[in-house]
C-alpha atoms as a PDB file:
ATOM      1  CA  UNK A   1      96.162 176.075 143.934  1.00  0.00           C
ATOM      2  CA  UNK A   2      95.065 178.778 142.337  1.00  0.00           C
ATOM      3  CA  UNK A   3      96.348 181.359 140.510  1.00  0.00           C
ATOM      4  CA  UNK A   4      95.463 184.297 139.541  1.00  0.00           C
ATOM      5  CA  UNK A   5      97.362 186.184 136.614  1.00  0.00           C
ATOM      6  CA  UNK A   6      98.791 189.274 138.248  1.00  0.00           C
ATOM      7  CA  UNK A   7     102.852 190.979 138.887  1.00  0.00           C
ATOM      8  CA  UNK A   8     102.548 189.631 142.477  1.00  0.00           C
ATOM      9  CA  UNK A   9     102.318 185.903 141.460  1.00  0.00           C
ATOM     10  CA  UNK A  10     105.000 186.820 138.840  1.00  0.00           C
ATOM     11  CA  UNK A  11     107.303 187.899 140.536  1.00  0.00           C
ATOM     12  CA  UNK A  12     107.304 185.208 143.091  1.00  0.00           C
ATOM     13  CA  UNK A  13     106.020 181.909 141.035  1.00  0.00           C
ATOM     14  CA  UNK A  14     109.071 180.442 140.137  1.00  0.00           C
ATOM     15  CA  UNK A  15     110.631 180.418 144.092  1.00  0.00           C
ATOM     16  CA  UNK A  16     107.164 178.885 144.904  1.00  0.00           C
ATOM     17  CA  UNK A  17     107.595 176.026 142.016  1.00  0.00           C
ATOM     18  CA  UNK A  18     110.518 175.172 142.974  1.00  0.00           C
ATOM     19  CA  UNK A  19     109.847 174.775 146.946  1.00  0.00           C
ATOM     20  CA  UNK A  20     107.091 172.970 146.032  1.00  0.00           C
ATOM     21  CA  UNK A  21     109.520 171.014 143.614  1.00  0.00           C
ATOM     22  CA  UNK A  22     111.825 170.611 146.514  1.00  0.00           C
ATOM     23  CA  UNK A  23     109.236 169.403 148.897  1.00  0.00           C
ATOM     24  CA  UNK A  24     108.126 166.861 145.968  1.00  0.00           C
ATOM     25  CA  UNK A  25     104.909 167.645 145.447  1.00  0.00           C
ATOM     26  CA  UNK A  26     103.745 166.042 142.029  1.00  0.00           C
ATOM     27  CA  UNK A  27     102.246 168.854 139.212  1.00  0.00           C
ATOM     28  CA  UNK A  28      99.729 167.453 136.905  1.00  0.00           C
ATOM     29  CA  UNK A  29      97.586 168.764 133.801  1.00  0.00           C
ATOM     30  CA  UNK A  30      93.601 170.404 134.598  1.00  0.00           C
ATOM     31  CA  UNK A  31      92.122 167.208 132.758  1.00  0.00           C
ATOM     32  CA  UNK A  32      94.087 164.990 134.665  1.00  0.00           C
ATOM     33  CA  UNK A  33      92.704 166.552 138.091  1.00  0.00           C
ATOM     34  CA  UNK A  34      89.266 166.495 136.737  1.00  0.00           C
ATOM     35  CA  UNK A  35      89.813 162.681 135.944  1.00  0.00           C
ATOM     36  CA  UNK A  36      89.797 161.875 139.285  1.00  0.00           C
ATOM     37  CA  UNK A  37      86.986 160.224 141.252  1.00  0.00           C
ATOM     38  CA  UNK A  38      87.048 163.411 143.394  1.00  0.00           C
ATOM     39  CA  UNK A  39      85.362 165.915 141.186  1.00  0.00           C
ATOM     40  CA  UNK A  40      82.725 163.248 140.025  1.00  0.00           C
ATOM     41  CA  UNK A  41      81.164 163.453 143.739  1.00  0.00           C
ATOM     42  CA  UNK A  42      77.238 165.547 143.349  1.00  0.00           C
ATOM     43  CA  UNK A  43      78.067 168.807 145.195  1.00  0.00           C
ATOM     44  CA  UNK A  44      74.964 168.794 147.439  1.00  0.00           C
ATOM     45  CA  UNK A  45      76.074 170.414 150.703  1.00  0.00           C
ATOM     46  CA  UNK A  46      75.361 173.822 150.513  1.00  0.00           C
ATOM     47  CA  UNK A  47      75.592 176.845 152.862  1.00  0.00           C
ATOM     48  CA  UNK A  48      75.561 181.086 152.985  1.00  0.00           C
ATOM     49  CA  UNK A  49      79.464 180.346 154.139  1.00  0.00           C
ATOM     50  CA  UNK A  50      80.720 178.145 151.010  1.00  0.00           C
ATOM     51  CA  UNK A  51      82.703 176.072 153.066  1.00  0.00           C
ATOM     52  CA  UNK A  52      86.196 174.828 151.812  1.00  0.00           C
ATOM     53  CA  UNK A  53      85.934 171.702 148.867  1.00  0.00           C
ATOM     54  CA  UNK A  54      87.145 169.028 151.315  1.00  0.00           C
ATOM     55  CA  UNK A  55      84.267 169.653 154.069  1.00  0.00           C
ATOM     56  CA  UNK A  56      81.756 169.312 151.628  1.00  0.00           C
ATOM     57  CA  UNK A  57      83.931 166.067 149.798  1.00  0.00           C
ATOM     58  CA  UNK A  58      83.579 165.334 153.167  1.00  0.00           C
ATOM     59  CA  UNK A  59      80.006 165.568 154.099  1.00  0.00           C
ATOM     60  CA  UNK A  60      79.280 163.569 151.108  1.00  0.00           C
ATOM     61  CA  UNK A  61      81.132 160.293 152.271  1.00  0.00           C
ATOM     62  CA  UNK A  62      79.400 161.474 155.971  1.00  0.00           C
ATOM     63  CA  UNK A  63      82.822 161.907 156.964  1.00  0.00           C
ATOM     64  CA  UNK A  64      82.844 163.822 160.113  1.00  0.00           C
ATOM     65  CA  UNK A  65      85.549 166.717 160.360  1.00  0.00           C
ATOM     66  CA  UNK A  66      86.241 168.877 163.356  1.00  0.00           C
ATOM     67  CA  UNK A  67      87.510 171.708 161.670  1.00  0.00           C
ATOM     68  CA  UNK A  68      88.250 172.959 165.275  1.00  0.00           C
ATOM     69  CA  UNK A  69      91.003 171.203 165.534  1.00  0.00           C
ATOM     70  CA  UNK A  70      92.670 173.000 162.584  1.00  0.00           C
ATOM     71  CA  UNK A  71      94.457 175.568 163.279  1.00  0.00           C
ATOM     72  CA  UNK A  72      94.425 179.477 163.387  1.00  0.00           C
ATOM     73  CA  UNK A  73      96.199 181.215 160.919  1.00  0.00           C
ATOM     74  CA  UNK A  74      99.537 182.983 162.051  1.00  0.00           C
ATOM     75  CA  UNK A  75      99.420 186.564 163.905  1.00  0.00           C
ATOM     76  CA  UNK A  76     100.794 188.752 160.601  1.00  0.00           C
ATOM     77  CA  UNK A  77      97.817 186.828 158.351  1.00  0.00           C
ATOM     78  CA  UNK A  78      95.063 188.148 160.790  1.00  0.00           C
ATOM     79  CA  UNK A  79      96.623 191.600 161.221  1.00  0.00           C
ATOM     80  CA  UNK A  80      97.964 191.837 157.548  1.00  0.00           C
ATOM     81  CA  UNK A  81      93.504 191.597 156.993  1.00  0.00           C
ATOM     82  CA  UNK A  82      92.910 194.258 159.149  1.00  0.00           C
ATOM     83  CA  UNK A  83      94.822 196.361 156.475  1.00  0.00           C
ATOM     84  CA  UNK A  84      93.041 195.683 153.448  1.00  0.00           C
ATOM     85  CA  UNK A  85      89.561 195.702 153.892  1.00  0.00           C
END
């Protein structure tokens, strides 16, 4: 999870962390995360659209991923996005 230093995150992060802990997520340091073999994978999958890292890792490992099977964002997110452009 990438967090930016801003007022919105400051106001809601304690609640978000409680929810993640309740769902039994585990928190690790950046150093521990970067020590994972996944981060040692060469990044040779380059496109002008910059796909998510999961797609890049899948391509590096020749794993087929059908992005069309992913759910569309909720309607409220699509509507909200129209106001912030």
